[in-house]
Amino acid sequence: MSSPQALLIGEAFSPWTQKARWALQVCAVDFAYREYTPTLSEPWLRWRMRQWTGTVSVPVLLAGSEVIRGSWDIARFAAASAGDDRLGDFDAIAPWNELSEAALAEARSRVVSCVLADPNALDEASASVLPQPLRQPLRFVARDAARRLDRKYRHLLVPGSLRIAMERTRAGLQASGCDYLLGSFSYADITMAVVLEGIAPAAKIKPPLGPATRRCWSDAALATEFEDLLRWRERLVASHSHPGSGRHAIPEALHPVQKGGRAR
């Protein structure tokens, strides 16, 4: 475990944050979590990271004097902290992580476009920081934040990446003959299971996704086509735990939402 306690900064709804949290908990890393609010949290994060210029993104893990950026490096930090191979061989996992990153970049682009076109989704985006009466008159703030996010990551968009990732996950599971892409549980399973948030969000998060935002994250046609992978995700989340941890190793943020779309 890390000492002193590490601090993970992220956005609960973000699949990248979910990947980081899952890896940390599987490896029994002692960490606290802090929600990041775009624009408002940026000065504080820059101060903590001692990064005064350039782009900042979450998730970020602050572990003592170390600043670990991004879900991939956080997962590698978690594995090193555990001192064993419970997250698998990262050389073998790397191609799966690349598929995951490309798929999620496409999902993010679709979500941002959907949010920009939906006033209710824009209002939900500011719900954690603005009272109801101010959301509509200050909708331009949420719209500006979404546009800046789109500009920041637009270069990563490769159309078709989401479908390719799911097709290869299906093929990989068939080839392995079990519920694990590499034959036993690894970060490859984490990184590909979280891709499914881009078609059927199931994360139990605080604050929960609003109905308009949930619609933006959802793709009913792909969810139907890849229903077998959604069932695989459910089995993965339900069955995998860290032996000896005394608690379920899957972070609460990844427990499936109860029927009706309400987190409990």
C-alpha atoms as a PDB file:
ATOM      1  CA  MET A   1       0.000   0.000   0.000  1.00  0.00           C
ATOM      2  CA  SER A   2       1.044   3.562  -0.556  1.00  0.00           C
ATOM      3  CA  SER A   3       2.132   5.601   2.436  1.00  0.00           C
ATOM      4  CA  PRO A   4       1.080   8.261   3.092  1.00  0.00           C
ATOM      5  CA  GLN A   5      -2.370   7.703   1.661  1.00  0.00           C
ATOM      6  CA  ALA A   6      -2.557   8.548  -2.033  1.00  0.00           C
ATOM      7  CA  LEU A   7      -5.115  10.967  -3.449  1.00  0.00           C
ATOM      8  CA  LEU A   8      -6.895  10.190  -6.710  1.00  0.00           C
ATOM      9  CA  ILE A   9      -8.421  13.179  -8.514  1.00  0.00           C
ATOM     10  CA  GLY A  10     -10.923  12.363 -11.224  1.00  0.00           C
ATOM     11  CA  GLU A  11     -14.403  12.690 -12.616  1.00  0.00           C
ATOM     12  CA  ALA A  12     -16.639   9.905 -11.350  1.00  0.00           C
ATOM     13  CA  PHE A  13     -18.503   9.500 -14.642  1.00  0.00           C
ATOM     14  CA  SER A  14     -15.269   9.276 -16.652  1.00  0.00           C
ATOM     15  CA  PRO A  15     -14.302   5.779 -17.858  1.00  0.00           C
ATOM     16  CA  TRP A  16     -10.650   6.776 -17.441  1.00  0.00           C
ATOM     17  CA  THR A  17     -11.237   7.544 -13.765  1.00  0.00           C
ATOM     18  CA  GLN A  18     -13.141   4.282 -13.385  1.00  0.00           C
ATOM     19  CA  LYS A  19     -10.203   2.346 -14.848  1.00  0.00           C
ATOM     20  CA  ALA A  20      -7.834   3.980 -12.378  1.00  0.00           C
ATOM     21  CA  ARG A  21     -10.095   3.347  -9.371  1.00  0.00           C
ATOM     22  CA  TRP A  22     -10.633  -0.289 -10.287  1.00  0.00           C
ATOM     23  CA  ALA A  23      -6.891  -0.911 -10.658  1.00  0.00           C
ATOM     24  CA  LEU A  24      -6.072   0.799  -7.361  1.00  0.00           C
ATOM     25  CA  GLN A  25      -8.671  -1.176  -5.449  1.00  0.00           C
ATOM     26  CA  VAL A  26      -7.747  -4.506  -7.018  1.00  0.00           C
ATOM     27  CA  CYS A  27      -4.182  -3.833  -5.860  1.00  0.00           C
ATOM     28  CA  ALA A  28      -5.372  -2.781  -2.379  1.00  0.00           C
ATOM     29  CA  VAL A  29      -3.719   0.634  -2.654  1.00  0.00           C
ATOM     30  CA  ASP A  30      -4.783   2.918   0.173  1.00  0.00           C
ATOM     31  CA  PHE A  31      -6.195   6.019  -1.494  1.00  0.00           C
ATOM     32  CA  ALA A  32      -8.708   8.801  -1.059  1.00  0.00           C
ATOM     33  CA  TYR A  33     -10.762  10.194  -3.903  1.00  0.00           C
ATOM     34  CA  ARG A  34     -11.528  13.798  -4.808  1.00  0.00           C
ATOM     35  CA  GLU A  35     -13.963  14.840  -7.530  1.00  0.00           C
ATOM     36  CA  TYR A  36     -12.624  17.213 -10.164  1.00  0.00           C
ATOM     37  CA  THR A  37     -14.810  20.011 -11.526  1.00  0.00           C
ATOM     38  CA  PRO A  38     -13.527  21.338 -14.878  1.00  0.00           C
ATOM     39  CA  THR A  39     -12.392  24.986 -14.774  1.00  0.00           C
ATOM     40  CA  LEU A  40     -13.198  25.421 -11.067  1.00  0.00           C
ATOM     41  CA  SER A  41     -10.790  22.727  -9.842  1.00  0.00           C
ATOM     42  CA  GLU A  42      -8.025  23.480 -12.322  1.00  0.00           C
ATOM     43  CA  PRO A  43      -6.117  26.114 -10.280  1.00  0.00           C
ATOM     44  CA  TRP A  44      -6.068  23.818  -7.242  1.00  0.00           C
ATOM     45  CA  LEU A  45      -4.916  20.839  -9.333  1.00  0.00           C
ATOM     46  CA  ARG A  46      -2.167  22.869 -11.003  1.00  0.00           C
ATOM     47  CA  TRP A  47      -0.952  23.952  -7.580  1.00  0.00           C
ATOM     48  CA  ARG A  48      -0.918  20.371  -6.265  1.00  0.00           C
ATOM     49  CA  MET A  49       0.877  19.153  -9.393  1.00  0.00           C
ATOM     50  CA  ARG A  50       3.212  22.167  -9.518  1.00  0.00           C
ATOM     51  CA  GLN A  51       2.280  22.497 -13.179  1.00  0.00           C
ATOM     52  CA  TRP A  52       1.676  26.130 -14.089  1.00  0.00           C
ATOM     53  CA  THR A  53       1.420  25.821 -17.876  1.00  0.00           C
ATOM     54  CA  GLY A  54       0.225  23.286 -20.410  1.00  0.00           C
ATOM     55  CA  THR A  55      -2.762  20.979 -20.391  1.00  0.00           C
ATOM     56  CA  VAL A  56      -3.973  19.217 -17.270  1.00  0.00           C
ATOM     57  CA  SER A  57      -6.197  16.160 -17.375  1.00  0.00           C
ATOM     58  CA  VAL A  58      -7.636  13.711 -14.887  1.00  0.00           C
ATOM     59  CA  PRO A  59      -7.327  11.143 -13.490  1.00  0.00           C
ATOM     60  CA  VAL A  60      -4.238  12.117 -11.543  1.00  0.00           C
ATOM     61  CA  LEU A  61      -2.845  10.242  -8.559  1.00  0.00           C
ATOM     62  CA  LEU A  62      -0.871  12.156  -5.933  1.00  0.00           C
ATOM     63  CA  ALA A  63       1.198   9.663  -3.981  1.00  0.00           C
ATOM     64  CA  GLY A  64       3.640  11.345  -1.646  1.00  0.00           C
ATOM     65  CA  SER A  65       5.929  13.389  -3.878  1.00  0.00           C
ATOM     66  CA  GLU A  66       4.873  11.463  -6.997  1.00  0.00           C
ATOM     67  CA  VAL A  67       2.386  12.774  -9.555  1.00  0.00           C
ATOM     68  CA  ILE A  68       1.032   9.941 -11.687  1.00  0.00           C
ATOM     69  CA  ARG A  69      -0.980  11.054 -14.697  1.00  0.00           C
ATOM     70  CA  GLY A  70      -3.505   8.975 -16.611  1.00  0.00           C
ATOM     71  CA  SER A  71      -5.222   5.660 -15.989  1.00  0.00           C
ATOM     72  CA  TRP A  72      -2.487   3.566 -17.656  1.00  0.00           C
ATOM     73  CA  ASP A  73       0.328   4.916 -15.490  1.00  0.00           C
ATOM     74  CA  ILE A  74      -1.884   4.796 -12.396  1.00  0.00           C
ATOM     75  CA  ALA A  75      -2.583   1.121 -13.097  1.00  0.00           C
ATOM     76  CA  ARG A  76       1.141   0.448 -13.450  1.00  0.00           C
ATOM     77  CA  PHE A  77       1.749   2.294 -10.167  1.00  0.00           C
ATOM     78  CA  ALA A  78      -0.947   0.159  -8.520  1.00  0.00           C
ATOM     79  CA  ALA A  79       0.648  -3.029  -9.818  1.00  0.00           C
ATOM     80  CA  ALA A  80       4.073  -1.950  -8.575  1.00  0.00           C
ATOM     81  CA  SER A  81       2.571  -1.125  -5.174  1.00  0.00           C
ATOM     82  CA  ALA A  82       1.013  -4.582  -4.970  1.00  0.00           C
ATOM     83  CA  GLY A  83       4.343  -6.153  -5.882  1.00  0.00           C
ATOM     84  CA  ASP A  84       2.801  -9.060  -7.762  1.00  0.00           C
ATOM     85  CA  ASP A  85       1.148  -9.859 -11.076  1.00  0.00           C
ATOM     86  CA  ARG A  86      -2.494  -9.456 -10.091  1.00  0.00           C
ATOM     87  CA  LEU A  87      -3.021  -6.936 -12.910  1.00  0.00           C
ATOM     88  CA  GLY A  88      -1.182  -9.117 -15.405  1.00  0.00           C
ATOM     89  CA  ASP A  89       1.643  -8.565 -17.894  1.00  0.00           C
ATOM     90  CA  PHE A  90       1.512  -4.941 -19.015  1.00  0.00           C
ATOM     91  CA  ASP A  91       3.388  -5.686 -22.236  1.00  0.00           C
ATOM     92  CA  ALA A  92       0.594  -8.100 -23.197  1.00  0.00           C
ATOM     93  CA  ILE A  93      -2.042  -5.669 -21.960  1.00  0.00           C
ATOM     94  CA  ALA A  94      -0.753  -2.658 -23.912  1.00  0.00           C
ATOM     95  CA  PRO A  95      -2.565  -3.483 -27.199  1.00  0.00           C
ATOM     96  CA  TRP A  96      -5.836  -3.835 -25.309  1.00  0.00           C
ATOM     97  CA  ASN A  97      -5.276  -0.520 -23.600  1.00  0.00           C
ATOM     98  CA  GLU A  98      -4.670   1.131 -26.975  1.00  0.00           C
ATOM     99  CA  LEU A  99      -7.974  -0.279 -28.234  1.00  0.00           C
ATOM    100  CA  SER A 100      -9.690   0.999 -25.100  1.00  0.00           C
ATOM    101  CA  GLU A 101      -8.231   4.486 -25.416  1.00  0.00           C
ATOM    102  CA  ALA A 102      -9.282   4.805 -29.068  1.00  0.00           C
ATOM    103  CA  ALA A 103     -12.785   3.490 -28.345  1.00  0.00           C
ATOM    104  CA  LEU A 104     -13.294   5.844 -25.423  1.00  0.00           C
ATOM    105  CA  ALA A 105     -12.015   8.801 -27.464  1.00  0.00           C
ATOM    106  CA  GLU A 106     -14.773   8.132 -29.985  1.00  0.00           C
ATOM    107  CA  ALA A 107     -17.353   7.722 -27.217  1.00  0.00           C
ATOM    108  CA  ARG A 108     -16.244  10.984 -25.604  1.00  0.00           C
ATOM    109  CA  SER A 109     -16.562  12.860 -28.894  1.00  0.00           C
ATOM    110  CA  ARG A 110     -20.095  11.534 -29.374  1.00  0.00           C
ATOM    111  CA  VAL A 111     -21.075  12.420 -25.810  1.00  0.00           C
ATOM    112  CA  VAL A 112     -19.731  15.969 -26.060  1.00  0.00           C
ATOM    113  CA  SER A 113     -21.597  16.553 -29.335  1.00  0.00           C
ATOM    114  CA  CYS A 114     -24.786  15.214 -27.771  1.00  0.00           C
ATOM    115  CA  VAL A 115     -24.422  17.380 -24.656  1.00  0.00           C
ATOM    116  CA  LEU A 116     -23.859  20.493 -26.768  1.00  0.00           C
ATOM    117  CA  ALA A 117     -27.094  19.790 -28.632  1.00  0.00           C
ATOM    118  CA  ASP A 118     -29.189  19.119 -25.517  1.00  0.00           C
ATOM    119  CA  PRO A 119     -30.004  22.023 -23.151  1.00  0.00           C
ATOM    120  CA  ASN A 120     -31.039  19.582 -20.421  1.00  0.00           C
ATOM    121  CA  ALA A 121     -27.684  17.803 -20.613  1.00  0.00           C
ATOM    122  CA  LEU A 122     -25.912  21.162 -20.397  1.00  0.00           C
ATOM    123  CA  ASP A 123     -27.884  21.980 -17.264  1.00  0.00           C
ATOM    124  CA  GLU A 124     -27.020  18.598 -15.761  1.00  0.00           C
ATOM    125  CA  ALA A 125     -23.344  19.264 -16.444  1.00  0.00           C
ATOM    126  CA  SER A 126     -23.442  22.243 -14.091  1.00  0.00           C
ATOM    127  CA  ALA A 127     -25.794  20.702 -11.510  1.00  0.00           C
ATOM    128  CA  SER A 128     -23.014  19.971  -9.023  1.00  0.00           C
ATOM    129  CA  VAL A 129     -21.856  23.599  -8.883  1.00  0.00           C
ATOM    130  CA  LEU A 130     -24.917  25.721  -9.721  1.00  0.00           C
ATOM    131  CA  PRO A 131     -28.327  25.887  -8.031  1.00  0.00           C
ATOM    132  CA  GLN A 132     -31.307  25.172 -10.259  1.00  0.00           C
ATOM    133  CA  PRO A 133     -32.323  28.830 -10.860  1.00  0.00           C
ATOM    134  CA  LEU A 134     -28.881  29.695 -12.247  1.00  0.00           C
ATOM    135  CA  ARG A 135     -28.357  26.765 -14.593  1.00  0.00           C
ATOM    136  CA  GLN A 136     -30.326  28.065 -17.554  1.00  0.00           C
ATOM    137  CA  PRO A 137     -29.053  31.665 -17.466  1.00  0.00           C
ATOM    138  CA  LEU A 138     -25.483  30.376 -17.061  1.00  0.00           C
ATOM    139  CA  ARG A 139     -25.862  27.599 -19.623  1.00  0.00           C
ATOM    140  CA  PHE A 140     -23.227  29.314 -21.746  1.00  0.00           C
ATOM    141  CA  VAL A 141     -20.632  28.364 -19.123  1.00  0.00           C
ATOM    142  CA  ALA A 142     -21.377  24.644 -19.512  1.00  0.00           C
ATOM    143  CA  ARG A 143     -21.462  25.046 -23.290  1.00  0.00           C
ATOM    144  CA  ASP A 144     -18.049  26.726 -23.264  1.00  0.00           C
ATOM    145  CA  ALA A 145     -16.593  23.971 -21.079  1.00  0.00           C
ATOM    146  CA  ALA A 146     -17.931  21.284 -23.447  1.00  0.00           C
ATOM    147  CA  ARG A 147     -16.509  23.058 -26.485  1.00  0.00           C
ATOM    148  CA  ARG A 148     -13.115  23.395 -24.836  1.00  0.00           C
ATOM    149  CA  LEU A 149     -13.181  19.693 -24.011  1.00  0.00           C
ATOM    150  CA  ASP A 150     -13.995  18.907 -27.629  1.00  0.00           C
ATOM    151  CA  ARG A 151     -11.119  21.035 -28.904  1.00  0.00           C
ATOM    152  CA  LYS A 152      -8.749  19.493 -26.382  1.00  0.00           C
ATOM    153  CA  TYR A 153      -9.350  15.898 -27.470  1.00  0.00           C
ATOM    154  CA  ARG A 154     -10.748  16.134 -31.012  1.00  0.00           C
ATOM    155  CA  HIS A 155      -7.441  15.045 -32.551  1.00  0.00           C
ATOM    156  CA  LEU A 156      -7.776  11.632 -30.886  1.00  0.00           C
ATOM    157  CA  LEU A 157     -11.022  10.748 -32.659  1.00  0.00           C
ATOM    158  CA  VAL A 158     -10.828   7.784 -35.048  1.00  0.00           C
ATOM    159  CA  PRO A 159     -14.349   6.887 -36.249  1.00  0.00           C
ATOM    160  CA  GLY A 160     -15.224   3.223 -35.861  1.00  0.00           C
ATOM    161  CA  SER A 161     -12.872   2.630 -32.942  1.00  0.00           C
ATOM    162  CA  LEU A 162     -15.683   1.795 -30.513  1.00  0.00           C
ATOM    163  CA  ARG A 163     -17.089  -0.996 -32.670  1.00  0.00           C
ATOM    164  CA  ILE A 164     -13.609  -2.370 -33.414  1.00  0.00           C
ATOM    165  CA  ALA A 165     -12.796  -2.518 -29.690  1.00  0.00           C
ATOM    166  CA  MET A 166     -15.966  -4.430 -28.879  1.00  0.00           C
ATOM    167  CA  GLU A 167     -15.554  -6.837 -31.786  1.00  0.00           C
ATOM    168  CA  ARG A 168     -11.996  -7.609 -30.710  1.00  0.00           C
ATOM    169  CA  THR A 169     -13.065  -8.025 -27.089  1.00  0.00           C
ATOM    170  CA  ARG A 170     -15.688 -10.543 -28.161  1.00  0.00           C
ATOM    171  CA  ALA A 171     -13.123 -12.388 -30.290  1.00  0.00           C
ATOM    172  CA  GLY A 172     -10.557 -12.268 -27.486  1.00  0.00           C
ATOM    173  CA  LEU A 173     -12.934 -13.788 -24.979  1.00  0.00           C
ATOM    174  CA  GLN A 174     -13.899 -16.518 -27.418  1.00  0.00           C
ATOM    175  CA  ALA A 175     -10.224 -17.282 -28.031  1.00  0.00           C
ATOM    176  CA  SER A 176      -9.412 -17.409 -24.311  1.00  0.00           C
ATOM    177  CA  GLY A 177     -12.322 -19.742 -23.584  1.00  0.00           C
ATOM    178  CA  CYS A 178     -13.100 -17.946 -20.337  1.00  0.00           C
ATOM    179  CA  ASP A 179     -14.151 -14.554 -18.958  1.00  0.00           C
ATOM    180  CA  TYR A 180     -10.594 -13.211 -19.006  1.00  0.00           C
ATOM    181  CA  LEU A 181      -8.921 -11.885 -22.136  1.00  0.00           C
ATOM    182  CA  LEU A 182      -5.480 -13.136 -21.139  1.00  0.00           C
ATOM    183  CA  GLY A 183      -6.638 -16.335 -19.427  1.00  0.00           C
ATOM    184  CA  SER A 184      -6.742 -14.841 -15.927  1.00  0.00           C
ATOM    185  CA  PHE A 185      -8.008 -11.545 -14.584  1.00  0.00           C
ATOM    186  CA  SER A 186      -5.867  -8.609 -15.624  1.00  0.00           C
ATOM    187  CA  TYR A 187      -5.971  -4.901 -16.410  1.00  0.00           C
ATOM    188  CA  ALA A 188      -6.878  -5.936 -19.967  1.00  0.00           C
ATOM    189  CA  ASP A 189     -10.304  -6.958 -18.641  1.00  0.00           C
ATOM    190  CA  ILE A 190     -10.657  -3.705 -16.735  1.00  0.00           C
ATOM    191  CA  THR A 191      -9.732  -1.512 -19.675  1.00  0.00           C
ATOM    192  CA  MET A 192     -12.097  -3.271 -22.085  1.00  0.00           C
ATOM    193  CA  ALA A 193     -14.998  -3.660 -19.654  1.00  0.00           C
ATOM    194  CA  VAL A 194     -14.953   0.081 -19.021  1.00  0.00           C
ATOM    195  CA  VAL A 195     -15.286   0.702 -22.787  1.00  0.00           C
ATOM    196  CA  LEU A 196     -18.872  -0.519 -22.427  1.00  0.00           C
ATOM    197  CA  GLU A 197     -19.693   2.638 -20.473  1.00  0.00           C
ATOM    198  CA  GLY A 198     -19.709   4.233 -23.936  1.00  0.00           C
ATOM    199  CA  ILE A 199     -22.782   2.267 -25.009  1.00  0.00           C
ATOM    200  CA  ALA A 200     -24.591   1.358 -21.776  1.00  0.00           C
ATOM    201  CA  PRO A 201     -23.402   3.250 -18.675  1.00  0.00           C
ATOM    202  CA  ALA A 202     -23.660   1.079 -15.585  1.00  0.00           C
ATOM    203  CA  ALA A 203     -21.393   2.899 -13.168  1.00  0.00           C
ATOM    204  CA  LYS A 204     -22.805   3.678  -9.766  1.00  0.00           C
ATOM    205  CA  ILE A 205     -21.413   7.144  -9.282  1.00  0.00           C
ATOM    206  CA  LYS A 206     -21.887  10.193  -7.105  1.00  0.00           C
ATOM    207  CA  PRO A 207     -23.280  12.441  -8.386  1.00  0.00           C
ATOM    208  CA  PRO A 208     -25.243  10.067 -10.644  1.00  0.00           C
ATOM    209  CA  LEU A 209     -25.660  10.751 -14.337  1.00  0.00           C
ATOM    210  CA  GLY A 210     -28.767  12.782 -15.083  1.00  0.00           C
ATOM    211  CA  PRO A 211     -31.270  11.308 -17.549  1.00  0.00           C
ATOM    212  CA  ALA A 212     -30.221  13.578 -20.424  1.00  0.00           C
ATOM    213  CA  THR A 213     -26.529  12.846 -19.862  1.00  0.00           C
ATOM    214  CA  ARG A 214     -27.249   9.123 -19.591  1.00  0.00           C
ATOM    215  CA  ARG A 215     -28.940   9.263 -22.991  1.00  0.00           C
ATOM    216  CA  CYS A 216     -25.808  10.877 -24.418  1.00  0.00           C
ATOM    217  CA  TRP A 217     -23.641   8.066 -23.088  1.00  0.00           C
ATOM    218  CA  SER A 218     -25.994   5.370 -24.388  1.00  0.00           C
ATOM    219  CA  ASP A 219     -26.195   3.685 -27.778  1.00  0.00           C
ATOM    220  CA  ALA A 220     -29.197   1.346 -27.859  1.00  0.00           C
ATOM    221  CA  ALA A 221     -28.266  -0.283 -31.161  1.00  0.00           C
ATOM    222  CA  LEU A 222     -24.737  -1.162 -30.072  1.00  0.00           C
ATOM    223  CA  ALA A 223     -25.970  -2.248 -26.637  1.00  0.00           C
ATOM    224  CA  THR A 224     -28.312  -4.731 -28.318  1.00  0.00           C
ATOM    225  CA  GLU A 225     -25.654  -5.960 -30.737  1.00  0.00           C
ATOM    226  CA  PHE A 226     -23.097  -6.459 -27.969  1.00  0.00           C
ATOM    227  CA  GLU A 227     -25.435  -7.649 -25.242  1.00  0.00           C
ATOM    228  CA  ASP A 228     -23.110 -10.604 -24.651  1.00  0.00           C
ATOM    229  CA  LEU A 229     -20.352  -8.184 -23.639  1.00  0.00           C
ATOM    230  CA  LEU A 230     -22.683  -6.329 -21.282  1.00  0.00           C
ATOM    231  CA  ARG A 231     -23.424  -9.651 -19.572  1.00  0.00           C
ATOM    232  CA  TRP A 232     -19.676 -10.318 -19.450  1.00  0.00           C
ATOM    233  CA  ARG A 233     -19.136  -6.966 -17.722  1.00  0.00           C
ATOM    234  CA  GLU A 234     -21.771  -7.842 -15.136  1.00  0.00           C
ATOM    235  CA  ARG A 235     -20.089 -11.171 -14.391  1.00  0.00           C
ATOM    236  CA  LEU A 236     -16.684  -9.519 -14.161  1.00  0.00           C
ATOM    237  CA  VAL A 237     -17.867  -6.879 -11.719  1.00  0.00           C
ATOM    238  CA  ALA A 238     -19.894  -9.348  -9.665  1.00  0.00           C
ATOM    239  CA  SER A 239     -17.311 -12.093  -9.357  1.00  0.00           C
ATOM    240  CA  HIS A 240     -13.862 -10.555  -9.152  1.00  0.00           C
ATOM    241  CA  SER A 241     -12.570  -9.548  -5.774  1.00  0.00           C
ATOM    242  CA  HIS A 242      -9.169  -9.206  -4.199  1.00  0.00           C
ATOM    243  CA  PRO A 243      -8.556 -12.257  -1.959  1.00  0.00           C
ATOM    244  CA  GLY A 244      -7.817 -11.312   1.588  1.00  0.00           C
ATOM    245  CA  SER A 245      -8.858  -7.690   1.147  1.00  0.00           C
ATOM    246  CA  GLY A 246     -11.918  -8.170   3.326  1.00  0.00           C
ATOM    247  CA  ARG A 247     -13.990  -6.146   0.878  1.00  0.00           C
ATOM    248  CA  HIS A 248     -15.073  -6.216  -2.708  1.00  0.00           C
ATOM    249  CA  ALA A 249     -12.181  -5.042  -4.863  1.00  0.00           C
ATOM    250  CA  ILE A 250     -14.317  -3.470  -7.565  1.00  0.00           C
ATOM    251  CA  PRO A 251     -14.782   0.192  -6.705  1.00  0.00           C
ATOM    252  CA  GLU A 252     -18.301   1.253  -5.817  1.00  0.00           C
ATOM    253  CA  ALA A 253     -18.303   3.494  -8.872  1.00  0.00           C
ATOM    254  CA  LEU A 254     -18.378   0.402 -11.090  1.00  0.00           C
ATOM    255  CA  HIS A 255     -21.199  -1.522  -9.464  1.00  0.00           C
ATOM    256  CA  PRO A 256     -24.086  -1.800 -11.927  1.00  0.00           C
ATOM    257  CA  VAL A 257     -26.884   0.733 -11.493  1.00  0.00           C
ATOM    258  CA  GLN A 258     -30.085  -0.828 -10.289  1.00  0.00           C
ATOM    259  CA  LYS A 259     -32.966  -1.158 -12.732  1.00  0.00           C
ATOM    260  CA  GLY A 260     -34.678   2.100 -13.441  1.00  0.00           C
ATOM    261  CA  GLY A 261     -31.357   3.909 -13.800  1.00  0.00           C
ATOM    262  CA  ARG A 262     -31.113   5.033 -10.180  1.00  0.00           C
ATOM    263  CA  ALA A 263     -27.962   4.493  -8.187  1.00  0.00           C
ATOM    264  CA  ARG A 264     -28.459   3.050  -4.709  1.00  0.00           C
END
